[in-house]
Amino acid sequence: MSNLAIPLSVLKKGDKAIIISLDDIAISIKLMEMGCMPGEHLEVDYIAPLGDPISIRIGNYLLGLRKDEAIAIKVMKQ
C-alpha cells in the first residue's frame, strides 16, 4: 500500500482507494455533490477501452467519471 496521493485516473479495474483531496476547484463542487468527498472509500468498477469514462463504486452506487474529473481526484490506494 502506497501512502502517496495519486490521481484516480491511474488506478486499474478492481483497485480500491480512499479519496484524499480534490485538486480542480472548478469541478470540485460537482464532484462533492456526487459523493466524492475526502475520506470516502471507492473501488474502480470499469474503465472504458480508451480510459474514458471510468466507473467507480462509491457508497451504494456506481458513478461514471470523465478522465479529466478522475485526474482531479487524488486518492491513496489500499
C-alpha atoms as a PDB file:
ATOM      1  CA  MET A   1       0.000   0.000   0.000  1.00  0.00           C
ATOM      2  CA  SER A   2       1.349   3.380  -1.003  1.00  0.00           C
ATOM      3  CA  ASN A   3       0.878   6.364   1.280  1.00  0.00           C
ATOM      4  CA  LEU A   4       1.275   8.890  -1.555  1.00  0.00           C
ATOM      5  CA  ALA A   5      -1.697  10.632  -3.149  1.00  0.00           C
ATOM      6  CA  ILE A   6      -2.109   9.616  -6.794  1.00  0.00           C
ATOM      7  CA  PRO A   7      -4.736  10.573  -9.394  1.00  0.00           C
ATOM      8  CA  LEU A   8      -7.772   8.293  -9.529  1.00  0.00           C
ATOM      9  CA  SER A   9      -7.192   8.039 -13.285  1.00  0.00           C
ATOM     10  CA  VAL A  10      -4.112   5.791 -12.817  1.00  0.00           C
ATOM     11  CA  LEU A  11      -5.969   3.072 -10.901  1.00  0.00           C
ATOM     12  CA  LYS A  12      -6.895  -0.194 -12.579  1.00  0.00           C
ATOM     13  CA  LYS A  13     -10.177  -2.137 -12.542  1.00  0.00           C
ATOM     14  CA  GLY A  14     -10.741  -3.657  -9.097  1.00  0.00           C
ATOM     15  CA  ASP A  15      -8.383  -1.256  -7.284  1.00  0.00           C
ATOM     16  CA  LYS A  16      -9.651   0.195  -4.015  1.00  0.00           C
ATOM     17  CA  ALA A  17      -8.708   3.591  -2.652  1.00  0.00           C
ATOM     18  CA  ILE A  18      -9.609   6.411  -0.277  1.00  0.00           C
ATOM     19  CA  ILE A  19     -10.161   9.937  -1.575  1.00  0.00           C
ATOM     20  CA  ILE A  20      -7.521  12.300  -0.185  1.00  0.00           C
ATOM     21  CA  SER A  21      -8.284  15.570  -1.990  1.00  0.00           C
ATOM     22  CA  LEU A  22      -9.910  17.250  -4.973  1.00  0.00           C
ATOM     23  CA  ASP A  23      -7.458  19.353  -6.966  1.00  0.00           C
ATOM     24  CA  ASP A  24      -9.614  21.164  -9.525  1.00  0.00           C
ATOM     25  CA  ILE A  25     -11.536  23.993  -7.871  1.00  0.00           C
ATOM     26  CA  ALA A  26     -13.790  24.389 -10.922  1.00  0.00           C
ATOM     27  CA  ILE A  27     -15.222  20.861 -10.702  1.00  0.00           C
ATOM     28  CA  SER A  28     -14.700  20.081  -7.003  1.00  0.00           C
ATOM     29  CA  ILE A  29     -18.207  21.194  -6.001  1.00  0.00           C
ATOM     30  CA  LYS A  30     -19.746  18.994  -8.710  1.00  0.00           C
ATOM     31  CA  LEU A  31     -17.634  16.046  -7.566  1.00  0.00           C
ATOM     32  CA  MET A  32     -18.570  16.576  -3.905  1.00  0.00           C
ATOM     33  CA  GLU A  33     -22.267  16.710  -4.840  1.00  0.00           C
ATOM     34  CA  MET A  34     -21.775  13.302  -6.480  1.00  0.00           C
ATOM     35  CA  GLY A  35     -20.310  11.864  -3.269  1.00  0.00           C
ATOM     36  CA  CYS A  36     -16.586  12.297  -3.951  1.00  0.00           C
ATOM     37  CA  MET A  37     -15.622  13.634  -0.555  1.00  0.00           C
ATOM     38  CA  PRO A  38     -12.224  13.312   1.130  1.00  0.00           C
ATOM     39  CA  GLY A  39     -12.246  10.189   3.305  1.00  0.00           C
ATOM     40  CA  GLU A  40     -14.705   8.259   1.104  1.00  0.00           C
ATOM     41  CA  HIS A  41     -13.758   4.729   0.059  1.00  0.00           C
ATOM     42  CA  LEU A  42     -14.124   3.734  -3.579  1.00  0.00           C
ATOM     43  CA  GLU A  43     -13.489   0.853  -5.953  1.00  0.00           C
ATOM     44  CA  VAL A  44     -12.799   1.087  -9.682  1.00  0.00           C
ATOM     45  CA  ASP A  45     -15.609  -0.868 -11.339  1.00  0.00           C
ATOM     46  CA  TYR A  46     -14.921  -0.353 -15.055  1.00  0.00           C
ATOM     47  CA  ILE A  47     -12.566   1.547 -17.336  1.00  0.00           C
ATOM     48  CA  ALA A  48     -13.525   2.070 -20.981  1.00  0.00           C
ATOM     49  CA  PRO A  49     -11.006   0.776 -23.556  1.00  0.00           C
ATOM     50  CA  LEU A  50      -9.558   4.240 -24.214  1.00  0.00           C
ATOM     51  CA  GLY A  51      -9.595   5.164 -20.499  1.00  0.00           C
ATOM     52  CA  ASP A  52     -12.640   7.444 -20.628  1.00  0.00           C
ATOM     53  CA  PRO A  53     -15.103   7.151 -18.910  1.00  0.00           C
ATOM     54  CA  ILE A  54     -14.209   5.453 -15.643  1.00  0.00           C
ATOM     55  CA  SER A  55     -16.884   3.868 -13.461  1.00  0.00           C
ATOM     56  CA  ILE A  56     -16.310   3.794  -9.702  1.00  0.00           C
ATOM     57  CA  ARG A  57     -18.312   2.278  -6.881  1.00  0.00           C
ATOM     58  CA  ILE A  58     -18.665   4.832  -4.112  1.00  0.00           C
ATOM     59  CA  GLY A  59     -21.114   4.354  -1.285  1.00  0.00           C
ATOM     60  CA  ASN A  60     -24.012   2.267  -2.576  1.00  0.00           C
ATOM     61  CA  TYR A  61     -23.921   3.399  -6.192  1.00  0.00           C
ATOM     62  CA  LEU A  62     -21.857   3.495  -9.373  1.00  0.00           C
ATOM     63  CA  LEU A  63     -20.550   6.814 -10.626  1.00  0.00           C
ATOM     64  CA  GLY A  64     -19.233   7.472 -14.124  1.00  0.00           C
ATOM     65  CA  LEU A  65     -16.407   9.994 -14.392  1.00  0.00           C
ATOM     66  CA  ARG A  66     -14.672  11.594 -17.330  1.00  0.00           C
ATOM     67  CA  LYS A  67     -10.893  11.250 -17.360  1.00  0.00           C
ATOM     68  CA  ASP A  68     -10.368  14.946 -16.567  1.00  0.00           C
ATOM     69  CA  GLU A  69     -12.562  14.542 -13.490  1.00  0.00           C
ATOM     70  CA  ALA A  70     -10.690  11.395 -12.415  1.00  0.00           C
ATOM     71  CA  ILE A  71      -7.355  13.196 -12.755  1.00  0.00           C
ATOM     72  CA  ALA A  72      -8.578  15.880 -10.320  1.00  0.00           C
ATOM     73  CA  ILE A  73      -9.371  13.292  -7.603  1.00  0.00           C
ATOM     74  CA  LYS A  74      -6.300  12.391  -5.565  1.00  0.00           C
ATOM     75  CA  VAL A  75      -6.521   9.044  -3.769  1.00  0.00           C
ATOM     76  CA  MET A  76      -4.481   6.722  -1.596  1.00  0.00           C
ATOM     77  CA  LYS A  77      -4.556   3.163  -2.904  1.00  0.00           C
ATOM     78  CA  GLN A  78      -5.490   0.471  -0.394  1.00  0.00           C
END
